[in-house]
Amino acid sequence: MSGTVYILQSLVNLRYYIGSTSDFNRRIIEHQSGKSKYTKLIKPFKVVFRQEFASIIEARRIEYKLKKLKSRTIIEKIIKDGFIKLGS
């Protein structure tokens, strides 16, 4: 099963939310309907980045690495470049 890593940006405070899922459309609907604890606090938001991976396991690994970095600079570079490139 493939996986997606995505980045949302709040239109209110410009903060980012990084997530991963095996069903991108379903997950975005959950965010928009307030079913996600954090994103209901940053609504409205826009999807600023999305990248598919071969498996949900790989997508979750990348999500974890990005969250661990806690770097706005790296997140903004990923958005600008349009892809994630992290070392193993």
PDB file of N, CA and C in Angstrom:
ATOM      1  N   MET A   1       0.843  -1.177   0.000  1.00  0.00           N
ATOM      2  CA  MET A   1       0.000   0.000   0.000  1.00  0.00           C
ATOM      3  C   MET A   1       0.890   1.242   0.000  1.00  0.00           C
ATOM      4  N   SER A   2       0.609   2.177  -0.902  1.00  0.00           N
ATOM      5  CA  SER A   2       1.414   3.390  -0.978  1.00  0.00           C
ATOM      6  C   SER A   2       1.044   4.350   0.151  1.00  0.00           C
ATOM      7  N   GLY A   3       1.903   5.324   0.347  1.00  0.00           N
ATOM      8  CA  GLY A   3       1.678   6.311   1.391  1.00  0.00           C
ATOM      9  C   GLY A   3       1.990   7.704   0.889  1.00  0.00           C
ATOM     10  N   THR A   4       1.439   8.684   1.548  1.00  0.00           N
ATOM     11  CA  THR A   4       1.637  10.082   1.184  1.00  0.00           C
ATOM     12  C   THR A   4       2.114  10.854   2.401  1.00  0.00           C
ATOM     13  N   VAL A   5       3.124  11.691   2.196  1.00  0.00           N
ATOM     14  CA  VAL A   5       3.529  12.670   3.202  1.00  0.00           C
ATOM     15  C   VAL A   5       2.998  14.008   2.700  1.00  0.00           C
ATOM     16  N   TYR A   6       2.392  14.774   3.593  1.00  0.00           N
ATOM     17  CA  TYR A   6       1.826  16.052   3.184  1.00  0.00           C
ATOM     18  C   TYR A   6       2.131  17.109   4.237  1.00  0.00           C
ATOM     19  N   ILE A   7       2.088  18.359   3.793  1.00  0.00           N
ATOM     20  CA  ILE A   7       2.299  19.492   4.692  1.00  0.00           C
ATOM     21  C   ILE A   7       1.133  20.455   4.491  1.00  0.00           C
ATOM     22  N   LEU A   8       0.510  20.814   5.600  1.00  0.00           N
ATOM     23  CA  LEU A   8      -0.555  21.811   5.605  1.00  0.00           C
ATOM     24  C   LEU A   8       0.006  23.093   6.205  1.00  0.00           C
ATOM     25  N   GLN A   9      -0.511  24.232   5.763  1.00  0.00           N
ATOM     26  CA  GLN A   9      -0.123  25.500   6.368  1.00  0.00           C
ATOM     27  C   GLN A   9      -1.376  26.258   6.778  1.00  0.00           C
ATOM     28  N   SER A  10      -1.372  26.722   8.012  1.00  0.00           N
ATOM     29  CA  SER A  10      -2.482  27.509   8.532  1.00  0.00           C
ATOM     30  C   SER A  10      -2.552  28.846   7.799  1.00  0.00           C
ATOM     31  N   LEU A  11      -3.746  29.249   7.420  1.00  0.00           N
ATOM     32  CA  LEU A  11      -3.933  30.565   6.814  1.00  0.00           C
ATOM     33  C   LEU A  11      -4.077  31.647   7.879  1.00  0.00           C
ATOM     34  N   VAL A  12      -4.147  31.233   9.142  1.00  0.00           N
ATOM     35  CA  VAL A  12      -4.292  32.174  10.250  1.00  0.00           C
ATOM     36  C   VAL A  12      -2.930  32.555  10.822  1.00  0.00           C
ATOM     37  N   ASN A  13      -2.151  31.529  11.235  1.00  0.00           N
ATOM     38  CA  ASN A  13      -0.873  31.828  11.891  1.00  0.00           C
ATOM     39  C   ASN A  13       0.346  31.346  11.106  1.00  0.00           C
ATOM     40  N   LEU A  14       0.135  30.806   9.891  1.00  0.00           N
ATOM     41  CA  LEU A  14       1.194  30.353   8.976  1.00  0.00           C
ATOM     42  C   LEU A  14       2.019  29.179   9.498  1.00  0.00           C
ATOM     43  N   ARG A  15       1.554  28.527  10.557  1.00  0.00           N
ATOM     44  CA  ARG A  15       2.259  27.349  11.076  1.00  0.00           C
ATOM     45  C   ARG A  15       2.018  26.162  10.162  1.00  0.00           C
ATOM     46  N   TYR A  16       2.951  25.203  10.244  1.00  0.00           N
ATOM     47  CA  TYR A  16       2.878  24.011   9.406  1.00  0.00           C
ATOM     48  C   TYR A  16       2.432  22.794  10.204  1.00  0.00           C
ATOM     49  N   TYR A  17       1.783  21.884   9.513  1.00  0.00           N
ATOM     50  CA  TYR A  17       1.428  20.579  10.060  1.00  0.00           C
ATOM     51  C   TYR A  17       1.932  19.542   9.071  1.00  0.00           C
ATOM     52  N   ILE A  18       2.694  18.571   9.553  1.00  0.00           N
ATOM     53  CA  ILE A  18       3.225  17.492   8.721  1.00  0.00           C
ATOM     54  C   ILE A  18       2.471  16.220   9.066  1.00  0.00           C
ATOM     55  N   GLY A  19       2.023  15.508   8.039  1.00  0.00           N
ATOM     56  CA  GLY A  19       1.301  14.267   8.269  1.00  0.00           C
ATOM     57  C   GLY A  19       1.603  13.236   7.203  1.00  0.00           C
ATOM     58  N   SER A  20       1.147  12.021   7.444  1.00  0.00           N
ATOM     59  CA  SER A  20       1.262  10.951   6.447  1.00  0.00           C
ATOM     60  C   SER A  20      -0.002  10.108   6.512  1.00  0.00           C
ATOM     61  N   THR A  21      -0.322   9.483   5.392  1.00  0.00           N
ATOM     62  CA  THR A  21      -1.553   8.704   5.310  1.00  0.00           C
ATOM     63  C   THR A  21      -1.495   7.734   4.143  1.00  0.00           C
ATOM     64  N   SER A  22      -2.341   6.734   4.202  1.00  0.00           N
ATOM     65  CA  SER A  22      -2.487   5.820   3.070  1.00  0.00           C
ATOM     66  C   SER A  22      -3.659   6.253   2.181  1.00  0.00           C
ATOM     67  N   ASP A  23      -4.453   7.223   2.640  1.00  0.00           N
ATOM     68  CA  ASP A  23      -5.604   7.717   1.873  1.00  0.00           C
ATOM     69  C   ASP A  23      -5.671   9.238   2.029  1.00  0.00           C
ATOM     70  N   PHE A  24      -5.000   9.939   1.130  1.00  0.00           N
ATOM     71  CA  PHE A  24      -4.849  11.384   1.233  1.00  0.00           C
ATOM     72  C   PHE A  24      -6.201  12.111   1.257  1.00  0.00           C
ATOM     73  N   ASN A  25      -7.087  11.788   0.329  1.00  0.00           N
ATOM     74  CA  ASN A  25      -8.376  12.497   0.259  1.00  0.00           C
ATOM     75  C   ASN A  25      -9.191  12.332   1.535  1.00  0.00           C
ATOM     76  N   ARG A  26      -9.249  11.111   2.059  1.00  0.00           N
ATOM     77  CA  ARG A  26      -9.978  10.865   3.309  1.00  0.00           C
ATOM     78  C   ARG A  26      -9.373  11.676   4.449  1.00  0.00           C
ATOM     79  N   ARG A  27      -8.044  11.700   4.512  1.00  0.00           N
ATOM     80  CA  ARG A  27      -7.369  12.392   5.610  1.00  0.00           C
ATOM     81  C   ARG A  27      -7.606  13.899   5.560  1.00  0.00           C
ATOM     82  N   ILE A  28      -7.583  14.470   4.375  1.00  0.00           N
ATOM     83  CA  ILE A  28      -7.830  15.906   4.252  1.00  0.00           C
ATOM     84  C   ILE A  28      -9.261  16.235   4.674  1.00  0.00           C
ATOM     85  N   ILE A  29     -10.204  15.396   4.307  1.00  0.00           N
ATOM     86  CA  ILE A  29     -11.599  15.592   4.740  1.00  0.00           C
ATOM     87  C   ILE A  29     -11.686  15.552   6.265  1.00  0.00           C
ATOM     88  N   GLU A  30     -10.953  14.625   6.890  1.00  0.00           N
ATOM     89  CA  GLU A  30     -10.930  14.556   8.358  1.00  0.00           C
ATOM     90  C   GLU A  30     -10.371  15.843   8.954  1.00  0.00           C
ATOM     91  N   HIS A  31      -9.285  16.358   8.358  1.00  0.00           N
ATOM     92  CA  HIS A  31      -8.716  17.621   8.846  1.00  0.00           C
ATOM     93  C   HIS A  31      -9.737  18.751   8.705  1.00  0.00           C
ATOM     94  N   GLN A  32     -10.377  18.853   7.552  1.00  0.00           N
ATOM     95  CA  GLN A  32     -11.325  19.941   7.295  1.00  0.00           C
ATOM     96  C   GLN A  32     -12.556  19.874   8.191  1.00  0.00           C
ATOM     97  N   SER A  33     -12.947  18.668   8.572  1.00  0.00           N
ATOM     98  CA  SER A  33     -14.151  18.524   9.401  1.00  0.00           C
ATOM     99  C   SER A  33     -13.859  18.642  10.896  1.00  0.00           C
ATOM    100  N   GLY A  34     -12.589  18.879  11.255  1.00  0.00           N
ATOM    101  CA  GLY A  34     -12.241  19.067  12.657  1.00  0.00           C
ATOM    102  C   GLY A  34     -12.010  17.788  13.428  1.00  0.00           C
ATOM    103  N   LYS A  35     -11.844  16.664  12.739  1.00  0.00           N
ATOM    104  CA  LYS A  35     -11.628  15.386  13.422  1.00  0.00           C
ATOM    105  C   LYS A  35     -10.180  15.185  13.859  1.00  0.00           C
ATOM    106  N   SER A  36      -9.309  16.078  13.446  1.00  0.00           N
ATOM    107  CA  SER A  36      -7.908  16.010  13.852  1.00  0.00           C
ATOM    108  C   SER A  36      -7.680  17.068  14.929  1.00  0.00           C
ATOM    109  N   LYS A  37      -7.164  16.642  16.067  1.00  0.00           N
ATOM    110  CA  LYS A  37      -7.033  17.511  17.239  1.00  0.00           C
ATOM    111  C   LYS A  37      -6.249  18.792  16.933  1.00  0.00           C
ATOM    112  N   TYR A  38      -5.084  18.658  16.292  1.00  0.00           N
ATOM    113  CA  TYR A  38      -4.246  19.837  16.056  1.00  0.00           C
ATOM    114  C   TYR A  38      -4.784  20.712  14.930  1.00  0.00           C
ATOM    115  N   THR A  39      -5.130  20.110  13.794  1.00  0.00           N
ATOM    116  CA  THR A  39      -5.510  20.944  12.652  1.00  0.00           C
ATOM    117  C   THR A  39      -6.833  21.672  12.854  1.00  0.00           C
ATOM    118  N   LYS A  40      -7.658  21.209  13.770  1.00  0.00           N
ATOM    119  CA  LYS A  40      -8.881  21.984  14.022  1.00  0.00           C
ATOM    120  C   LYS A  40      -8.532  23.313  14.690  1.00  0.00           C
ATOM    121  N   LEU A  41      -7.343  23.395  15.294  1.00  0.00           N
ATOM    122  CA  LEU A  41      -6.892  24.637  15.922  1.00  0.00           C
ATOM    123  C   LEU A  41      -6.267  25.605  14.922  1.00  0.00           C
ATOM    124  N   ILE A  42      -5.834  25.102  13.763  1.00  0.00           N
ATOM    125  CA  ILE A  42      -5.145  25.965  12.796  1.00  0.00           C
ATOM    126  C   ILE A  42      -5.995  26.245  11.552  1.00  0.00           C
ATOM    127  N   LYS A  43      -7.270  25.848  11.574  1.00  0.00           N
ATOM    128  CA  LYS A  43      -8.135  26.079  10.414  1.00  0.00           C
ATOM    129  C   LYS A  43      -8.383  27.562  10.229  1.00  0.00           C
ATOM    130  N   PRO A  44      -8.553  28.018   9.011  1.00  0.00           N
ATOM    131  CA  PRO A  44      -8.433  27.271   7.768  1.00  0.00           C
ATOM    132  C   PRO A  44      -6.966  27.039   7.411  1.00  0.00           C
ATOM    133  N   PHE A  45      -6.747  26.070   6.561  1.00  0.00           N
ATOM    134  CA  PHE A  45      -5.391  25.746   6.128  1.00  0.00           C
ATOM    135  C   PHE A  45      -5.404  25.392   4.652  1.00  0.00           C
ATOM    136  N   LYS A  46      -4.207  25.330   4.089  1.00  0.00           N
ATOM    137  CA  LYS A  46      -4.086  24.893   2.702  1.00  0.00           C
ATOM    138  C   LYS A  46      -3.023  23.808   2.620  1.00  0.00           C
ATOM    139  N   VAL A  47      -3.166  22.926   1.633  1.00  0.00           N
ATOM    140  CA  VAL A  47      -2.159  21.901   1.371  1.00  0.00           C
ATOM    141  C   VAL A  47      -1.056  22.585   0.574  1.00  0.00           C
ATOM    142  N   VAL A  48       0.162  22.620   1.138  1.00  0.00           N
ATOM    143  CA  VAL A  48       1.273  23.278   0.454  1.00  0.00           C
ATOM    144  C   VAL A  48       2.268  22.281  -0.123  1.00  0.00           C
ATOM    145  N   PHE A  49       2.127  21.002   0.266  1.00  0.00           N
ATOM    146  CA  PHE A  49       3.046  19.982  -0.236  1.00  0.00           C
ATOM    147  C   PHE A  49       2.408  18.611  -0.108  1.00  0.00           C
ATOM    148  N   ARG A  50       2.741  17.769  -1.090  1.00  0.00           N
ATOM    149  CA  ARG A  50       2.268  16.381  -1.076  1.00  0.00           C
ATOM    150  C   ARG A  50       3.243  15.539  -1.892  1.00  0.00           C
ATOM    151  N   GLN A  51       3.692  14.412  -1.321  1.00  0.00           N
ATOM    152  CA  GLN A  51       4.582  13.502  -2.049  1.00  0.00           C
ATOM    153  C   GLN A  51       4.198  12.062  -1.757  1.00  0.00           C
ATOM    154  N   GLU A  52       4.101  11.276  -2.814  1.00  0.00           N
ATOM    155  CA  GLU A  52       3.760   9.859  -2.699  1.00  0.00           C
ATOM    156  C   GLU A  52       5.018   9.028  -2.458  1.00  0.00           C
ATOM    157  N   PHE A  53       4.863   7.953  -1.696  1.00  0.00           N
ATOM    158  CA  PHE A  53       5.942   7.001  -1.442  1.00  0.00           C
ATOM    159  C   PHE A  53       5.433   5.595  -1.721  1.00  0.00           C
ATOM    160  N   ALA A  54       6.357   4.677  -1.923  1.00  0.00           N
ATOM    161  CA  ALA A  54       6.007   3.304  -2.301  1.00  0.00           C
ATOM    162  C   ALA A  54       5.174   2.601  -1.237  1.00  0.00           C
ATOM    163  N   SER A  55       5.388   2.957   0.031  1.00  0.00           N
ATOM    164  CA  SER A  55       4.654   2.287   1.110  1.00  0.00           C
ATOM    165  C   SER A  55       4.291   3.280   2.207  1.00  0.00           C
ATOM    166  N   ILE A  56       3.270   2.935   2.965  1.00  0.00           N
ATOM    167  CA  ILE A  56       2.884   3.759   4.106  1.00  0.00           C
ATOM    168  C   ILE A  56       3.982   3.731   5.163  1.00  0.00           C
ATOM    169  N   ILE A  57       4.703   2.632   5.247  1.00  0.00           N
ATOM    170  CA  ILE A  57       5.807   2.530   6.213  1.00  0.00           C
ATOM    171  C   ILE A  57       6.879   3.564   5.884  1.00  0.00           C
ATOM    172  N   GLU A  58       7.225   3.686   4.603  1.00  0.00           N
ATOM    173  CA  GLU A  58       8.218   4.681   4.191  1.00  0.00           C
ATOM    174  C   GLU A  58       7.701   6.095   4.447  1.00  0.00           C
ATOM    175  N   ALA A  59       6.443   6.340   4.143  1.00  0.00           N
ATOM    176  CA  ALA A  59       5.856   7.663   4.371  1.00  0.00           C
ATOM    177  C   ALA A  59       5.883   8.024   5.856  1.00  0.00           C
ATOM    178  N   ARG A  60       5.555   7.085   6.728  1.00  0.00           N
ATOM    179  CA  ARG A  60       5.576   7.341   8.177  1.00  0.00           C
ATOM    180  C   ARG A  60       7.000   7.615   8.668  1.00  0.00           C
ATOM    181  N   ARG A  61       7.967   6.899   8.099  1.00  0.00           N
ATOM    182  CA  ARG A  61       9.373   7.108   8.467  1.00  0.00           C
ATOM    183  C   ARG A  61       9.813   8.531   8.092  1.00  0.00           C
ATOM    184  N   ILE A  62       9.439   8.971   6.899  1.00  0.00           N
ATOM    185  CA  ILE A  62       9.782  10.316   6.447  1.00  0.00           C
ATOM    186  C   ILE A  62       9.073  11.366   7.305  1.00  0.00           C
ATOM    187  N   GLU A  63       7.801  11.143   7.608  1.00  0.00           N
ATOM    188  CA  GLU A  63       7.051  12.064   8.474  1.00  0.00           C
ATOM    189  C   GLU A  63       7.760  12.209   9.823  1.00  0.00           C
ATOM    190  N   TYR A  64       8.147  11.096  10.407  1.00  0.00           N
ATOM    191  CA  TYR A  64       8.827  11.105  11.702  1.00  0.00           C
ATOM    192  C   TYR A  64      10.129  11.902  11.622  1.00  0.00           C
ATOM    193  N   LYS A  65      10.914  11.673  10.556  1.00  0.00           N
ATOM    194  CA  LYS A  65      12.185  12.399  10.400  1.00  0.00           C
ATOM    195  C   LYS A  65      11.952  13.900  10.286  1.00  0.00           C
ATOM    196  N   LEU A  66      10.961  14.293   9.494  1.00  0.00           N
ATOM    197  CA  LEU A  66      10.675  15.717   9.329  1.00  0.00           C
ATOM    198  C   LEU A  66      10.243  16.356  10.643  1.00  0.00           C
ATOM    199  N   LYS A  67       9.382  15.679  11.381  1.00  0.00           N
ATOM    200  CA  LYS A  67       8.920  16.220  12.663  1.00  0.00           C
ATOM    201  C   LYS A  67      10.060  16.310  13.665  1.00  0.00           C
ATOM    202  N   LYS A  68      10.963  15.346  13.614  1.00  0.00           N
ATOM    203  CA  LYS A  68      12.098  15.328  14.535  1.00  0.00           C
ATOM    204  C   LYS A  68      13.061  16.490  14.251  1.00  0.00           C
ATOM    205  N   LEU A  69      13.175  16.883  12.983  1.00  0.00           N
ATOM    206  CA  LEU A  69      14.067  17.986  12.616  1.00  0.00           C
ATOM    207  C   LEU A  69      13.596  19.323  13.185  1.00  0.00           C
ATOM    208  N   LYS A  70      12.279  19.514  13.262  1.00  0.00           N
ATOM    209  CA  LYS A  70      11.686  20.758  13.777  1.00  0.00           C
ATOM    210  C   LYS A  70      12.311  21.996  13.142  1.00  0.00           C
ATOM    211  N   SER A  71      12.481  21.957  11.827  1.00  0.00           N
ATOM    212  CA  SER A  71      13.138  23.053  11.126  1.00  0.00           C
ATOM    213  C   SER A  71      12.207  23.683  10.095  1.00  0.00           C
ATOM    214  N   ARG A  72      11.789  24.898  10.368  1.00  0.00           N
ATOM    215  CA  ARG A  72      10.950  25.633   9.420  1.00  0.00           C
ATOM    216  C   ARG A  72      11.699  25.853   8.107  1.00  0.00           C
ATOM    217  N   THR A  73      13.008  26.079   8.190  1.00  0.00           N
ATOM    218  CA  THR A  73      13.828  26.297   6.998  1.00  0.00           C
ATOM    219  C   THR A  73      13.790  25.081   6.082  1.00  0.00           C
ATOM    220  N   ILE A  74      13.942  23.889   6.652  1.00  0.00           N
ATOM    221  CA  ILE A  74      13.920  22.663   5.851  1.00  0.00           C
ATOM    222  C   ILE A  74      12.527  22.439   5.273  1.00  0.00           C
ATOM    223  N   ILE A  75      11.497  22.661   6.068  1.00  0.00           N
ATOM    224  CA  ILE A  75      10.125  22.501   5.573  1.00  0.00           C
ATOM    225  C   ILE A  75       9.878  23.443   4.395  1.00  0.00           C
ATOM    226  N   GLU A  76      10.301  24.693   4.511  1.00  0.00           N
ATOM    227  CA  GLU A  76      10.082  25.660   3.435  1.00  0.00           C
ATOM    228  C   GLU A  76      10.899  25.316   2.194  1.00  0.00           C
ATOM    229  N   LYS A  77      12.077  24.717   2.372  1.00  0.00           N
ATOM    230  CA  LYS A  77      12.877  24.268   1.225  1.00  0.00           C
ATOM    231  C   LYS A  77      12.174  23.114   0.514  1.00  0.00           C
ATOM    232  N   ILE A  78      11.625  22.178   1.269  1.00  0.00           N
ATOM    233  CA  ILE A  78      10.882  21.054   0.678  1.00  0.00           C
ATOM    234  C   ILE A  78       9.696  21.577  -0.133  1.00  0.00           C
ATOM    235  N   ILE A  79       8.972  22.538   0.421  1.00  0.00           N
ATOM    236  CA  ILE A  79       7.821  23.113  -0.281  1.00  0.00           C
ATOM    237  C   ILE A  79       8.283  23.794  -1.568  1.00  0.00           C
ATOM    238  N   LYS A  80       9.356  24.570  -1.474  1.00  0.00           N
ATOM    239  CA  LYS A  80       9.890  25.289  -2.639  1.00  0.00           C
ATOM    240  C   LYS A  80      10.387  24.325  -3.707  1.00  0.00           C
ATOM    241  N   ASP A  81      11.144  23.304  -3.292  1.00  0.00           N
ATOM    242  CA  ASP A  81      11.723  22.344  -4.243  1.00  0.00           C
ATOM    243  C   ASP A  81      10.674  21.389  -4.814  1.00  0.00           C
ATOM    244  N   GLY A  82       9.636  21.118  -4.038  1.00  0.00           N
ATOM    245  CA  GLY A  82       8.575  20.236  -4.501  1.00  0.00           C
ATOM    246  C   GLY A  82       8.825  18.762  -4.264  1.00  0.00           C
ATOM    247  N   PHE A  83       9.848  18.442  -3.477  1.00  0.00           N
ATOM    248  CA  PHE A  83      10.111  17.037  -3.151  1.00  0.00           C
ATOM    249  C   PHE A  83      10.922  16.937  -1.871  1.00  0.00           C
ATOM    250  N   ILE A  84      10.872  15.755  -1.259  1.00  0.00           N
ATOM    251  CA  ILE A  84      11.625  15.480  -0.041  1.00  0.00           C
ATOM    252  C   ILE A  84      12.863  14.690  -0.416  1.00  0.00           C
ATOM    253  N   LYS A  85      14.009  15.164   0.066  1.00  0.00           N
ATOM    254  CA  LYS A  85      15.245  14.412  -0.116  1.00  0.00           C
ATOM    255  C   LYS A  85      15.960  14.413   1.228  1.00  0.00           C
ATOM    256  N   LEU A  86      15.846  13.303   1.930  1.00  0.00           N
ATOM    257  CA  LEU A  86      16.500  13.147   3.225  1.00  0.00           C
ATOM    258  C   LEU A  86      17.457  11.974   3.149  1.00  0.00           C
ATOM    259  N   GLY A  87      18.578  12.085   3.831  1.00  0.00           N
ATOM    260  CA  GLY A  87      19.496  10.949   3.912  1.00  0.00           C
ATOM    261  C   GLY A  87      18.897   9.852   4.767  1.00  0.00           C
ATOM    262  N   SER A  88      19.373   8.620   4.586  1.00  0.00           N
ATOM    263  CA  SER A  88      18.833   7.466   5.334  1.00  0.00           C
ATOM    264  C   SER A  88      19.102   7.522   6.762  1.00  0.00           C
TER     265      SER A  88
END
